[in-house]
């Protein structure tokens, strides 16, 4: 069985990635830069931002154009390895 075909998604597809990290003035811009290494068409104006109730953390939703499962995995690895990021869903 081909792992590329063993997926719930049909690629390419638009895919929302949720990222949470400590609130910081450059958090959203930094995350967009990381994602743009994999999807140069990411639109920063479409990034959804939600502060936590205490304001300590910020949640972002970034929409990417995923071309394969490996492409998504690369984006997730880059995000989870970034020091500003606490959680990626």
PDB file of N, CA and C in Angstrom:
ATOM      1  N   UNK A   1       0.851  -1.184   0.000  1.00  0.00           N
ATOM      2  CA  UNK A   1       0.000   0.000   0.000  1.00  0.00           C
ATOM      3  C   UNK A   1       0.892   1.241   0.000  1.00  0.00           C
ATOM      4  N   UNK A   2       0.564   2.200  -0.814  1.00  0.00           N
ATOM      5  CA  UNK A   2       1.328   3.439  -0.921  1.00  0.00           C
ATOM      6  C   UNK A   2       0.905   4.391   0.197  1.00  0.00           C
ATOM      7  N   UNK A   3       1.854   4.825   1.063  1.00  0.00           N
ATOM      8  CA  UNK A   3       1.482   5.726   2.164  1.00  0.00           C
ATOM      9  C   UNK A   3       0.895   7.045   1.680  1.00  0.00           C
ATOM     10  N   UNK A   4       1.275   7.489   0.496  1.00  0.00           N
ATOM     11  CA  UNK A   4       0.718   8.736  -0.035  1.00  0.00           C
ATOM     12  C   UNK A   4      -0.778   8.589  -0.293  1.00  0.00           C
ATOM     13  N   UNK A   5      -1.219   7.384  -0.624  1.00  0.00           N
ATOM     14  CA  UNK A   5      -2.638   7.153  -0.899  1.00  0.00           C
ATOM     15  C   UNK A   5      -3.413   6.778   0.346  1.00  0.00           C
ATOM     16  N   UNK A   6      -2.714   6.476   1.427  1.00  0.00           N
ATOM     17  CA  UNK A   6      -3.343   6.091   2.685  1.00  0.00           C
ATOM     18  C   UNK A   6      -3.610   7.357   3.505  1.00  0.00           C
ATOM     19  N   UNK A   7      -4.521   8.192   2.990  1.00  0.00           N
ATOM     20  CA  UNK A   7      -4.761   9.483   3.601  1.00  0.00           C
ATOM     21  C   UNK A   7      -6.238   9.816   3.558  1.00  0.00           C
ATOM     22  N   UNK A   8      -6.667  10.642   4.487  1.00  0.00           N
ATOM     23  CA  UNK A   8      -8.046  11.109   4.490  1.00  0.00           C
ATOM     24  C   UNK A   8      -8.215  12.293   3.550  1.00  0.00           C
ATOM     25  N   UNK A   9      -7.116  12.823   3.040  1.00  0.00           N
ATOM     26  CA  UNK A   9      -7.142  14.016   2.208  1.00  0.00           C
ATOM     27  C   UNK A   9      -6.757  13.690   0.778  1.00  0.00           C
ATOM     28  N   UNK A  10      -7.312  14.458  -0.130  1.00  0.00           N
ATOM     29  CA  UNK A  10      -6.881  14.398  -1.526  1.00  0.00           C
ATOM     30  C   UNK A  10      -5.983  15.587  -1.759  1.00  0.00           C
ATOM     31  N   UNK A  11      -4.791  15.322  -2.218  1.00  0.00           N
ATOM     32  CA  UNK A  11      -3.823  16.393  -2.457  1.00  0.00           C
ATOM     33  C   UNK A  11      -3.804  16.761  -3.926  1.00  0.00           C
ATOM     34  N   UNK A  12      -3.564  18.016  -4.236  1.00  0.00           N
ATOM     35  CA  UNK A  12      -3.359  19.140  -3.326  1.00  0.00           C
ATOM     36  C   UNK A  12      -4.675  19.574  -2.678  1.00  0.00           C
ATOM     37  N   UNK A  13      -4.555  20.208  -1.506  1.00  0.00           N
ATOM     38  CA  UNK A  13      -5.735  20.699  -0.802  1.00  0.00           C
ATOM     39  C   UNK A  13      -5.362  21.892   0.076  1.00  0.00           C
ATOM     40  N   UNK A  14      -6.359  22.706   0.385  1.00  0.00           N
ATOM     41  CA  UNK A  14      -6.165  23.791   1.342  1.00  0.00           C
ATOM     42  C   UNK A  14      -6.310  23.181   2.726  1.00  0.00           C
ATOM     43  N   UNK A  15      -5.370  23.496   3.603  1.00  0.00           N
ATOM     44  CA  UNK A  15      -5.332  22.840   4.904  1.00  0.00           C
ATOM     45  C   UNK A  15      -5.066  23.871   5.999  1.00  0.00           C
ATOM     46  N   UNK A  16      -5.931  23.935   7.020  1.00  0.00           N
ATOM     47  CA  UNK A  16      -5.692  24.864   8.131  1.00  0.00           C
ATOM     48  C   UNK A  16      -4.751  24.239   9.162  1.00  0.00           C
ATOM     49  N   UNK A  17      -3.760  24.989   9.571  1.00  0.00           N
ATOM     50  CA  UNK A  17      -2.847  24.549  10.627  1.00  0.00           C
ATOM     51  C   UNK A  17      -3.012  25.511  11.796  1.00  0.00           C
ATOM     52  N   UNK A  18      -3.218  24.954  12.977  1.00  0.00           N
ATOM     53  CA  UNK A  18      -3.383  25.765  14.184  1.00  0.00           C
ATOM     54  C   UNK A  18      -2.079  25.717  14.968  1.00  0.00           C
ATOM     55  N   UNK A  19      -1.602  26.908  15.335  1.00  0.00           N
ATOM     56  CA  UNK A  19      -0.328  27.040  16.029  1.00  0.00           C
ATOM     57  C   UNK A  19      -0.551  27.876  17.285  1.00  0.00           C
ATOM     58  N   UNK A  20       0.006  27.424  18.412  1.00  0.00           N
ATOM     59  CA  UNK A  20      -0.113  28.197  19.641  1.00  0.00           C
ATOM     60  C   UNK A  20       1.277  28.457  20.199  1.00  0.00           C
ATOM     61  N   UNK A  21       1.462  29.682  20.694  1.00  0.00           N
ATOM     62  CA  UNK A  21       2.727  30.038  21.321  1.00  0.00           C
ATOM     63  C   UNK A  21       2.524  31.177  22.286  1.00  0.00           C
ATOM     64  N   UNK A  22       3.566  31.500  23.040  1.00  0.00           N
ATOM     65  CA  UNK A  22       3.526  32.636  23.964  1.00  0.00           C
ATOM     66  C   UNK A  22       3.255  33.897  23.169  1.00  0.00           C
ATOM     67  N   UNK A  23       2.440  34.773  23.714  1.00  0.00           N
ATOM     68  CA  UNK A  23       2.141  36.033  23.041  1.00  0.00           C
ATOM     69  C   UNK A  23       3.422  36.850  22.888  1.00  0.00           C
ATOM     70  N   UNK A  24       3.637  37.347  21.684  1.00  0.00           N
ATOM     71  CA  UNK A  24       4.818  38.140  21.359  1.00  0.00           C
ATOM     72  C   UNK A  24       4.448  38.996  20.156  1.00  0.00           C
ATOM     73  N   UNK A  25       4.901  40.243  20.113  1.00  0.00           N
ATOM     74  CA  UNK A  25       4.522  41.129  19.005  1.00  0.00           C
ATOM     75  C   UNK A  25       4.884  40.576  17.618  1.00  0.00           C
ATOM     76  N   UNK A  26       5.913  39.743  17.534  1.00  0.00           N
ATOM     77  CA  UNK A  26       6.361  39.215  16.240  1.00  0.00           C
ATOM     78  C   UNK A  26       5.925  37.767  15.994  1.00  0.00           C
ATOM     79  N   UNK A  27       5.079  37.220  16.873  1.00  0.00           N
ATOM     80  CA  UNK A  27       4.712  35.806  16.752  1.00  0.00           C
ATOM     81  C   UNK A  27       4.074  35.493  15.398  1.00  0.00           C
ATOM     82  N   UNK A  28       3.034  36.210  15.024  1.00  0.00           N
ATOM     83  CA  UNK A  28       2.329  35.912  13.769  1.00  0.00           C
ATOM     84  C   UNK A  28       3.252  36.079  12.561  1.00  0.00           C
ATOM     85  N   UNK A  29       3.998  37.161  12.512  1.00  0.00           N
ATOM     86  CA  UNK A  29       4.897  37.400  11.374  1.00  0.00           C
ATOM     87  C   UNK A  29       5.968  36.319  11.277  1.00  0.00           C
ATOM     88  N   UNK A  30       6.483  35.895  12.415  1.00  0.00           N
ATOM     89  CA  UNK A  30       7.510  34.845  12.434  1.00  0.00           C
ATOM     90  C   UNK A  30       6.952  33.529  11.924  1.00  0.00           C
ATOM     91  N   UNK A  31       5.754  33.171  12.368  1.00  0.00           N
ATOM     92  CA  UNK A  31       5.136  31.916  11.941  1.00  0.00           C
ATOM     93  C   UNK A  31       4.845  31.952  10.439  1.00  0.00           C
ATOM     94  N   UNK A  32       4.357  33.076   9.942  1.00  0.00           N
ATOM     95  CA  UNK A  32       4.104  33.199   8.501  1.00  0.00           C
ATOM     96  C   UNK A  32       5.410  33.004   7.725  1.00  0.00           C
ATOM     97  N   UNK A  33       6.509  33.557   8.213  1.00  0.00           N
ATOM     98  CA  UNK A  33       7.813  33.371   7.552  1.00  0.00           C
ATOM     99  C   UNK A  33       8.202  31.901   7.504  1.00  0.00           C
ATOM    100  N   UNK A  34       8.002  31.188   8.605  1.00  0.00           N
ATOM    101  CA  UNK A  34       8.338  29.759   8.655  1.00  0.00           C
ATOM    102  C   UNK A  34       7.505  29.005   7.618  1.00  0.00           C
ATOM    103  N   UNK A  35       6.206  29.254   7.596  1.00  0.00           N
ATOM    104  CA  UNK A  35       5.315  28.530   6.676  1.00  0.00           C
ATOM    105  C   UNK A  35       5.625  28.887   5.220  1.00  0.00           C
ATOM    106  N   UNK A  36       5.996  30.128   4.963  1.00  0.00           N
ATOM    107  CA  UNK A  36       6.294  30.555   3.584  1.00  0.00           C
ATOM    108  C   UNK A  36       7.493  29.828   2.980  1.00  0.00           C
ATOM    109  N   UNK A  37       8.338  29.251   3.807  1.00  0.00           N
ATOM    110  CA  UNK A  37       9.444  28.446   3.268  1.00  0.00           C
ATOM    111  C   UNK A  37       8.904  27.217   2.528  1.00  0.00           C
ATOM    112  N   UNK A  38       7.682  26.818   2.872  1.00  0.00           N
ATOM    113  CA  UNK A  38       7.075  25.627   2.280  1.00  0.00           C
ATOM    114  C   UNK A  38       5.918  25.960   1.350  1.00  0.00           C
ATOM    115  N   UNK A  39       5.289  27.106   1.568  1.00  0.00           N
ATOM    116  CA  UNK A  39       4.167  27.558   0.741  1.00  0.00           C
ATOM    117  C   UNK A  39       4.292  29.067   0.570  1.00  0.00           C
ATOM    118  N   UNK A  40       4.920  29.464  -0.518  1.00  0.00           N
ATOM    119  CA  UNK A  40       5.183  30.872  -0.766  1.00  0.00           C
ATOM    120  C   UNK A  40       3.947  31.711  -0.988  1.00  0.00           C
ATOM    121  N   UNK A  41       2.794  31.067  -1.159  1.00  0.00           N
ATOM    122  CA  UNK A  41       1.558  31.797  -1.407  1.00  0.00           C
ATOM    123  C   UNK A  41       0.734  32.064  -0.154  1.00  0.00           C
ATOM    124  N   UNK A  42       1.266  31.750   1.016  1.00  0.00           N
ATOM    125  CA  UNK A  42       0.518  31.991   2.252  1.00  0.00           C
ATOM    126  C   UNK A  42       0.190  33.477   2.356  1.00  0.00           C
ATOM    127  N   UNK A  43      -1.079  33.749   2.616  1.00  0.00           N
ATOM    128  CA  UNK A  43      -1.564  35.124   2.706  1.00  0.00           C
ATOM    129  C   UNK A  43      -1.628  35.535   4.174  1.00  0.00           C
ATOM    130  N   UNK A  44      -0.702  36.397   4.582  1.00  0.00           N
ATOM    131  CA  UNK A  44      -0.645  36.823   5.991  1.00  0.00           C
ATOM    132  C   UNK A  44      -1.928  37.517   6.431  1.00  0.00           C
ATOM    133  N   UNK A  45      -2.639  38.137   5.488  1.00  0.00           N
ATOM    134  CA  UNK A  45      -3.875  38.831   5.856  1.00  0.00           C
ATOM    135  C   UNK A  45      -5.005  37.851   6.197  1.00  0.00           C
ATOM    136  N   UNK A  46      -4.843  36.585   5.831  1.00  0.00           N
ATOM    137  CA  UNK A  46      -5.860  35.566   6.131  1.00  0.00           C
ATOM    138  C   UNK A  46      -5.543  34.766   7.394  1.00  0.00           C
ATOM    139  N   UNK A  47      -4.446  35.082   8.065  1.00  0.00           N
ATOM    140  CA  UNK A  47      -4.089  34.367   9.292  1.00  0.00           C
ATOM    141  C   UNK A  47      -5.045  34.805  10.396  1.00  0.00           C
ATOM    142  N   UNK A  48      -5.703  33.840  11.001  1.00  0.00           N
ATOM    143  CA  UNK A  48      -6.625  34.118  12.102  1.00  0.00           C
ATOM    144  C   UNK A  48      -5.839  34.115  13.412  1.00  0.00           C
ATOM    145  N   UNK A  49      -6.049  35.134  14.225  1.00  0.00           N
ATOM    146  CA  UNK A  49      -5.329  35.290  15.487  1.00  0.00           C
ATOM    147  C   UNK A  49      -6.324  35.321  16.638  1.00  0.00           C
ATOM    148  N   UNK A  50      -6.032  34.538  17.691  1.00  0.00           N
ATOM    149  CA  UNK A  50      -6.876  34.511  18.877  1.00  0.00           C
ATOM    150  C   UNK A  50      -5.997  34.499  20.123  1.00  0.00           C
ATOM    151  N   UNK A  51      -6.090  35.536  20.945  1.00  0.00           N
ATOM    152  CA  UNK A  51      -5.346  35.516  22.210  1.00  0.00           C
ATOM    153  C   UNK A  51      -6.061  34.612  23.218  1.00  0.00           C
ATOM    154  N   UNK A  52      -5.290  34.043  24.137  1.00  0.00           N
ATOM    155  CA  UNK A  52      -5.912  33.264  25.216  1.00  0.00           C
ATOM    156  C   UNK A  52      -6.647  34.220  26.137  1.00  0.00           C
ATOM    157  N   UNK A  53      -7.492  33.688  26.999  1.00  0.00           N
ATOM    158  CA  UNK A  53      -8.283  34.555  27.889  1.00  0.00           C
ATOM    159  C   UNK A  53      -7.386  35.396  28.793  1.00  0.00           C
ATOM    160  N   UNK A  54      -6.242  34.875  29.171  1.00  0.00           N
ATOM    161  CA  UNK A  54      -5.316  35.632  30.028  1.00  0.00           C
ATOM    162  C   UNK A  54      -4.363  36.506  29.215  1.00  0.00           C
ATOM    163  N   UNK A  55      -4.317  36.274  27.896  1.00  0.00           N
ATOM    164  CA  UNK A  55      -3.412  37.038  27.052  1.00  0.00           C
ATOM    165  C   UNK A  55      -1.992  36.501  27.027  1.00  0.00           C
ATOM    166  N   UNK A  56      -1.745  35.416  27.744  1.00  0.00           N
ATOM    167  CA  UNK A  56      -0.404  34.833  27.817  1.00  0.00           C
ATOM    168  C   UNK A  56      -0.008  34.150  26.514  1.00  0.00           C
ATOM    169  N   UNK A  57      -0.984  33.512  25.866  1.00  0.00           N
ATOM    170  CA  UNK A  57      -0.719  32.765  24.638  1.00  0.00           C
ATOM    171  C   UNK A  57      -1.524  33.343  23.481  1.00  0.00           C
ATOM    172  N   UNK A  58      -1.049  33.068  22.284  1.00  0.00           N
ATOM    173  CA  UNK A  58      -1.756  33.452  21.073  1.00  0.00           C
ATOM    174  C   UNK A  58      -1.925  32.219  20.206  1.00  0.00           C
ATOM    175  N   UNK A  59      -3.125  32.038  19.687  1.00  0.00           N
ATOM    176  CA  UNK A  59      -3.396  30.956  18.749  1.00  0.00           C
ATOM    177  C   UNK A  59      -3.534  31.533  17.350  1.00  0.00           C
ATOM    178  N   UNK A  60      -2.931  30.859  16.386  1.00  0.00           N
ATOM    179  CA  UNK A  60      -3.020  31.274  14.990  1.00  0.00           C
ATOM    180  C   UNK A  60      -3.591  30.131  14.168  1.00  0.00           C
ATOM    181  N   UNK A  61      -4.338  30.469  13.126  1.00  0.00           N
ATOM    182  CA  UNK A  61      -4.720  29.488  12.125  1.00  0.00           C
ATOM    183  C   UNK A  61      -4.181  29.998  10.799  1.00  0.00           C
ATOM    184  N   UNK A  62      -3.310  29.187  10.193  1.00  0.00           N
ATOM    185  CA  UNK A  62      -2.691  29.520   8.920  1.00  0.00           C
ATOM    186  C   UNK A  62      -3.180  28.503   7.899  1.00  0.00           C
ATOM    187  N   UNK A  63      -3.662  28.978   6.769  1.00  0.00           N
ATOM    188  CA  UNK A  63      -4.141  28.091   5.708  1.00  0.00           C
ATOM    189  C   UNK A  63      -3.037  27.903   4.677  1.00  0.00           C
ATOM    190  N   UNK A  64      -2.667  26.636   4.436  1.00  0.00           N
ATOM    191  CA  UNK A  64      -1.628  26.321   3.455  1.00  0.00           C
ATOM    192  C   UNK A  64      -2.223  25.517   2.312  1.00  0.00           C
ATOM    193  N   UNK A  65      -1.533  25.526   1.196  1.00  0.00           N
ATOM    194  CA  UNK A  65      -1.888  24.678   0.056  1.00  0.00           C
ATOM    195  C   UNK A  65      -0.960  23.479   0.124  1.00  0.00           C
ATOM    196  N   UNK A  66      -1.465  22.374   0.670  1.00  0.00           N
ATOM    197  CA  UNK A  66      -0.663  21.171   0.857  1.00  0.00           C
ATOM    198  C   UNK A  66      -0.652  20.350  -0.428  1.00  0.00           C
ATOM    199  N   UNK A  67       0.541  19.976  -0.862  1.00  0.00           N
ATOM    200  CA  UNK A  67       0.658  19.204  -2.099  1.00  0.00           C
ATOM    201  C   UNK A  67       0.781  17.707  -1.857  1.00  0.00           C
ATOM    202  N   UNK A  68       1.142  17.323  -0.619  1.00  0.00           N
ATOM    203  CA  UNK A  68       1.277  15.898  -0.280  1.00  0.00           C
ATOM    204  C   UNK A  68       1.347  15.758   1.238  1.00  0.00           C
ATOM    205  N   UNK A  69       1.257  14.538   1.690  1.00  0.00           N
ATOM    206  CA  UNK A  69       1.400  14.271   3.127  1.00  0.00           C
ATOM    207  C   UNK A  69       2.808  14.659   3.592  1.00  0.00           C
ATOM    208  N   UNK A  70       3.802  14.375   2.771  1.00  0.00           N
ATOM    209  CA  UNK A  70       5.189  14.720   3.114  1.00  0.00           C
ATOM    210  C   UNK A  70       5.349  16.234   3.236  1.00  0.00           C
ATOM    211  N   UNK A  71       4.689  16.975   2.369  1.00  0.00           N
ATOM    212  CA  UNK A  71       4.731  18.437   2.421  1.00  0.00           C
ATOM    213  C   UNK A  71       4.163  18.921   3.758  1.00  0.00           C
ATOM    214  N   UNK A  72       3.007  18.393   4.153  1.00  0.00           N
ATOM    215  CA  UNK A  72       2.414  18.758   5.446  1.00  0.00           C
ATOM    216  C   UNK A  72       3.336  18.378   6.599  1.00  0.00           C
ATOM    217  N   UNK A  73       3.924  17.195   6.525  1.00  0.00           N
ATOM    218  CA  UNK A  73       4.835  16.754   7.582  1.00  0.00           C
ATOM    219  C   UNK A  73       6.022  17.701   7.717  1.00  0.00           C
ATOM    220  N   UNK A  74       6.551  18.166   6.598  1.00  0.00           N
ATOM    221  CA  UNK A  74       7.675  19.108   6.633  1.00  0.00           C
ATOM    222  C   UNK A  74       7.273  20.417   7.318  1.00  0.00           C
ATOM    223  N   UNK A  75       6.081  20.909   7.007  1.00  0.00           N
ATOM    224  CA  UNK A  75       5.592  22.144   7.631  1.00  0.00           C
ATOM    225  C   UNK A  75       5.429  21.934   9.134  1.00  0.00           C
ATOM    226  N   UNK A  76       4.818  20.817   9.526  1.00  0.00           N
ATOM    227  CA  UNK A  76       4.614  20.534  10.947  1.00  0.00           C
ATOM    228  C   UNK A  76       5.949  20.424  11.683  1.00  0.00           C
ATOM    229  N   UNK A  77       6.926  19.758  11.075  1.00  0.00           N
ATOM    230  CA  UNK A  77       8.246  19.621  11.717  1.00  0.00           C
ATOM    231  C   UNK A  77       8.901  20.987  11.922  1.00  0.00           C
ATOM    232  N   UNK A  78       8.833  21.838  10.906  1.00  0.00           N
ATOM    233  CA  UNK A  78       9.432  23.174  11.013  1.00  0.00           C
ATOM    234  C   UNK A  78       8.751  23.981  12.113  1.00  0.00           C
ATOM    235  N   UNK A  79       7.436  23.881  12.191  1.00  0.00           N
ATOM    236  CA  UNK A  79       6.706  24.639  13.210  1.00  0.00           C
ATOM    237  C   UNK A  79       6.956  24.101  14.611  1.00  0.00           C
ATOM    238  N   UNK A  80       6.887  22.799  14.786  1.00  0.00           N
ATOM    239  CA  UNK A  80       7.075  22.232  16.125  1.00  0.00           C
ATOM    240  C   UNK A  80       8.508  22.422  16.613  1.00  0.00           C
ATOM    241  N   UNK A  81       9.454  22.567  15.698  1.00  0.00           N
ATOM    242  CA  UNK A  81      10.840  22.782  16.082  1.00  0.00           C
ATOM    243  C   UNK A  81      11.183  24.232  16.352  1.00  0.00           C
ATOM    244  N   UNK A  82      10.249  25.136  16.102  1.00  0.00           N
ATOM    245  CA  UNK A  82      10.530  26.559  16.299  1.00  0.00           C
ATOM    246  C   UNK A  82      10.398  26.914  17.778  1.00  0.00           C
ATOM    247  N   UNK A  83      11.333  27.693  18.320  1.00  0.00           N
ATOM    248  CA  UNK A  83      11.306  27.993  19.760  1.00  0.00           C
ATOM    249  C   UNK A  83      10.098  28.812  20.240  1.00  0.00           C
ATOM    250  N   UNK A  84       9.426  29.536  19.340  1.00  0.00           N
ATOM    251  CA  UNK A  84       8.263  30.334  19.761  1.00  0.00           C
ATOM    252  C   UNK A  84       6.985  29.493  19.842  1.00  0.00           C
ATOM    253  N   UNK A  85       7.012  28.287  19.298  1.00  0.00           N
ATOM    254  CA  UNK A  85       5.801  27.468  19.172  1.00  0.00           C
ATOM    255  C   UNK A  85       5.713  26.472  20.335  1.00  0.00           C
ATOM    256  N   UNK A  86       4.511  26.437  20.925  1.00  0.00           N
ATOM    257  CA  UNK A  86       4.243  25.470  22.006  1.00  0.00           C
ATOM    258  C   UNK A  86       3.489  24.252  21.484  1.00  0.00           C
ATOM    259  N   UNK A  87       2.476  24.476  20.610  1.00  0.00           N
ATOM    260  CA  UNK A  87       1.618  23.396  20.120  1.00  0.00           C
ATOM    261  C   UNK A  87       1.266  23.661  18.660  1.00  0.00           C
ATOM    262  N   UNK A  88       1.222  22.569  17.870  1.00  0.00           N
ATOM    263  CA  UNK A  88       0.759  22.644  16.486  1.00  0.00           C
ATOM    264  C   UNK A  88      -0.293  21.551  16.296  1.00  0.00           C
ATOM    265  N   UNK A  89      -1.439  21.959  15.760  1.00  0.00           N
ATOM    266  CA  UNK A  89      -2.526  21.001  15.488  1.00  0.00           C
ATOM    267  C   UNK A  89      -2.899  21.066  14.025  1.00  0.00           C
TER     268      UNK A  89
END
